[in-house]
């Protein structure tokens, strides 16, 4: 079940930080009863960004194959991604 707190509770920064690190899931902040913000730990954000990079790379590869590119091996793909994202 998602954690939902009202915006007025944002004053409790230490408690929210502790909760975000403990639960390792997004905390939804509401304003006037409607979803307004999402707070999460930096570690969780980085995890989501890594997943996004992989998903985006798969999507791009699928588009390239649809346009006629030759598929490459997994090892070659990993080498290309490592160079692209990690220099």
C-alpha atoms as a PDB file:
ATOM      1  CA  UNK A   1       0.000   0.000   0.000  1.00  0.00           C
ATOM      2  CA  UNK A   2       1.461   3.390  -0.938  1.00  0.00           C
ATOM      3  CA  UNK A   3       2.454   5.921   1.699  1.00  0.00           C
ATOM      4  CA  UNK A   4       0.401   9.105   1.346  1.00  0.00           C
ATOM      5  CA  UNK A   5       0.868  12.203   3.506  1.00  0.00           C
ATOM      6  CA  UNK A   6      -0.566  15.721   3.352  1.00  0.00           C
ATOM      7  CA  UNK A   7       1.676  18.566   2.253  1.00  0.00           C
ATOM      8  CA  UNK A   8       1.519  20.180   5.708  1.00  0.00           C
ATOM      9  CA  UNK A   9       3.573  17.232   7.025  1.00  0.00           C
ATOM     10  CA  UNK A  10       6.538  18.250   4.850  1.00  0.00           C
ATOM     11  CA  UNK A  11       7.728  20.271   7.858  1.00  0.00           C
ATOM     12  CA  UNK A  12       8.709  16.929   9.411  1.00  0.00           C
ATOM     13  CA  UNK A  13      11.712  16.557   7.111  1.00  0.00           C
ATOM     14  CA  UNK A  14      13.707  14.197   9.324  1.00  0.00           C
ATOM     15  CA  UNK A  15      10.750  11.867   9.770  1.00  0.00           C
ATOM     16  CA  UNK A  16       9.990  11.851   6.043  1.00  0.00           C
ATOM     17  CA  UNK A  17      13.636  11.188   5.214  1.00  0.00           C
ATOM     18  CA  UNK A  18      13.750   8.291   7.664  1.00  0.00           C
ATOM     19  CA  UNK A  19      10.511   6.869   6.253  1.00  0.00           C
ATOM     20  CA  UNK A  20      11.749   7.160   2.656  1.00  0.00           C
ATOM     21  CA  UNK A  21      14.977   5.325   3.479  1.00  0.00           C
ATOM     22  CA  UNK A  22      13.230   2.686   5.587  1.00  0.00           C
ATOM     23  CA  UNK A  23      10.437   1.850   3.118  1.00  0.00           C
ATOM     24  CA  UNK A  24      12.432   2.324  -0.116  1.00  0.00           C
ATOM     25  CA  UNK A  25       9.292   3.280  -2.011  1.00  0.00           C
ATOM     26  CA  UNK A  26       7.854   6.605  -3.165  1.00  0.00           C
ATOM     27  CA  UNK A  27       5.941   8.738  -0.662  1.00  0.00           C
ATOM     28  CA  UNK A  28       3.009  10.547  -2.231  1.00  0.00           C
ATOM     29  CA  UNK A  29       2.315  14.079  -1.007  1.00  0.00           C
ATOM     30  CA  UNK A  30      -1.203  15.445  -1.368  1.00  0.00           C
ATOM     31  CA  UNK A  31      -2.372  19.044  -1.523  1.00  0.00           C
ATOM     32  CA  UNK A  32      -6.063  19.788  -0.972  1.00  0.00           C
ATOM     33  CA  UNK A  33      -6.756  16.067  -1.300  1.00  0.00           C
ATOM     34  CA  UNK A  34      -5.034  15.684  -4.674  1.00  0.00           C
ATOM     35  CA  UNK A  35      -1.697  14.147  -5.576  1.00  0.00           C
ATOM     36  CA  UNK A  36       0.909  16.916  -5.814  1.00  0.00           C
ATOM     37  CA  UNK A  37       4.443  15.619  -5.187  1.00  0.00           C
ATOM     38  CA  UNK A  38       6.424  12.415  -4.818  1.00  0.00           C
ATOM     39  CA  UNK A  39       9.338  12.064  -2.400  1.00  0.00           C
ATOM     40  CA  UNK A  40      11.814   9.193  -2.396  1.00  0.00           C
ATOM     41  CA  UNK A  41      15.333   8.374  -1.224  1.00  0.00           C
ATOM     42  CA  UNK A  42      18.227   9.149  -3.523  1.00  0.00           C
ATOM     43  CA  UNK A  43      19.034   5.432  -3.670  1.00  0.00           C
ATOM     44  CA  UNK A  44      15.548   4.580  -4.901  1.00  0.00           C
ATOM     45  CA  UNK A  45      15.680   7.396  -7.455  1.00  0.00           C
ATOM     46  CA  UNK A  46      19.014   6.087  -8.791  1.00  0.00           C
ATOM     47  CA  UNK A  47      17.526   2.584  -8.998  1.00  0.00           C
ATOM     48  CA  UNK A  48      14.571   3.898 -11.010  1.00  0.00           C
ATOM     49  CA  UNK A  49      16.945   5.784 -13.322  1.00  0.00           C
ATOM     50  CA  UNK A  50      18.980   2.619 -13.992  1.00  0.00           C
ATOM     51  CA  UNK A  51      15.798   0.743 -14.896  1.00  0.00           C
ATOM     52  CA  UNK A  52      14.784   3.613 -17.158  1.00  0.00           C
ATOM     53  CA  UNK A  53      18.159   3.516 -18.958  1.00  0.00           C
ATOM     54  CA  UNK A  54      17.779  -0.186 -19.654  1.00  0.00           C
ATOM     55  CA  UNK A  55      14.160   0.188 -20.800  1.00  0.00           C
ATOM     56  CA  UNK A  56      15.085   3.118 -23.049  1.00  0.00           C
ATOM     57  CA  UNK A  57      17.989   1.187 -24.572  1.00  0.00           C
ATOM     58  CA  UNK A  58      15.754  -1.804 -25.315  1.00  0.00           C
ATOM     59  CA  UNK A  59      13.151   0.473 -26.892  1.00  0.00           C
ATOM     60  CA  UNK A  60      15.792   2.202 -29.038  1.00  0.00           C
ATOM     61  CA  UNK A  61      17.205  -1.159 -30.144  1.00  0.00           C
ATOM     62  CA  UNK A  62      13.746  -2.396 -31.127  1.00  0.00           C
ATOM     63  CA  UNK A  63      13.197   0.738 -33.220  1.00  0.00           C
ATOM     64  CA  UNK A  64      16.562   0.268 -34.928  1.00  0.00           C
ATOM     65  CA  UNK A  65      15.754  -3.354 -35.820  1.00  0.00           C
ATOM     66  CA  UNK A  66      12.352  -2.285 -37.187  1.00  0.00           C
ATOM     67  CA  UNK A  67      14.203   0.199 -39.396  1.00  0.00           C
ATOM     68  CA  UNK A  68      16.455  -2.557 -40.757  1.00  0.00           C
ATOM     69  CA  UNK A  69      19.461  -2.614 -38.412  1.00  0.00           C
ATOM     70  CA  UNK A  70      21.117  -5.975 -37.809  1.00  0.00           C
ATOM     71  CA  UNK A  71      20.690  -7.312 -34.271  1.00  0.00           C
ATOM     72  CA  UNK A  72      23.902  -7.589 -32.199  1.00  0.00           C
ATOM     73  CA  UNK A  73      24.976  -9.988 -29.464  1.00  0.00           C
ATOM     74  CA  UNK A  74      24.284  -9.295 -25.807  1.00  0.00           C
ATOM     75  CA  UNK A  75      28.007  -8.931 -25.067  1.00  0.00           C
ATOM     76  CA  UNK A  76      28.437  -6.355 -27.831  1.00  0.00           C
ATOM     77  CA  UNK A  77      25.399  -4.449 -26.589  1.00  0.00           C
ATOM     78  CA  UNK A  78      26.792  -4.397 -23.034  1.00  0.00           C
ATOM     79  CA  UNK A  79      30.126  -3.044 -24.278  1.00  0.00           C
ATOM     80  CA  UNK A  80      28.385  -0.277 -26.231  1.00  0.00           C
ATOM     81  CA  UNK A  81      26.193   0.669 -23.257  1.00  0.00           C
ATOM     82  CA  UNK A  82      29.137   0.704 -20.872  1.00  0.00           C
ATOM     83  CA  UNK A  83      31.005   3.084 -23.158  1.00  0.00           C
ATOM     84  CA  UNK A  84      27.909   5.255 -23.630  1.00  0.00           C
ATOM     85  CA  UNK A  85      26.971   5.603 -19.948  1.00  0.00           C
ATOM     86  CA  UNK A  86      30.268   5.121 -18.135  1.00  0.00           C
ATOM     87  CA  UNK A  87      32.803   6.512 -20.575  1.00  0.00           C
END
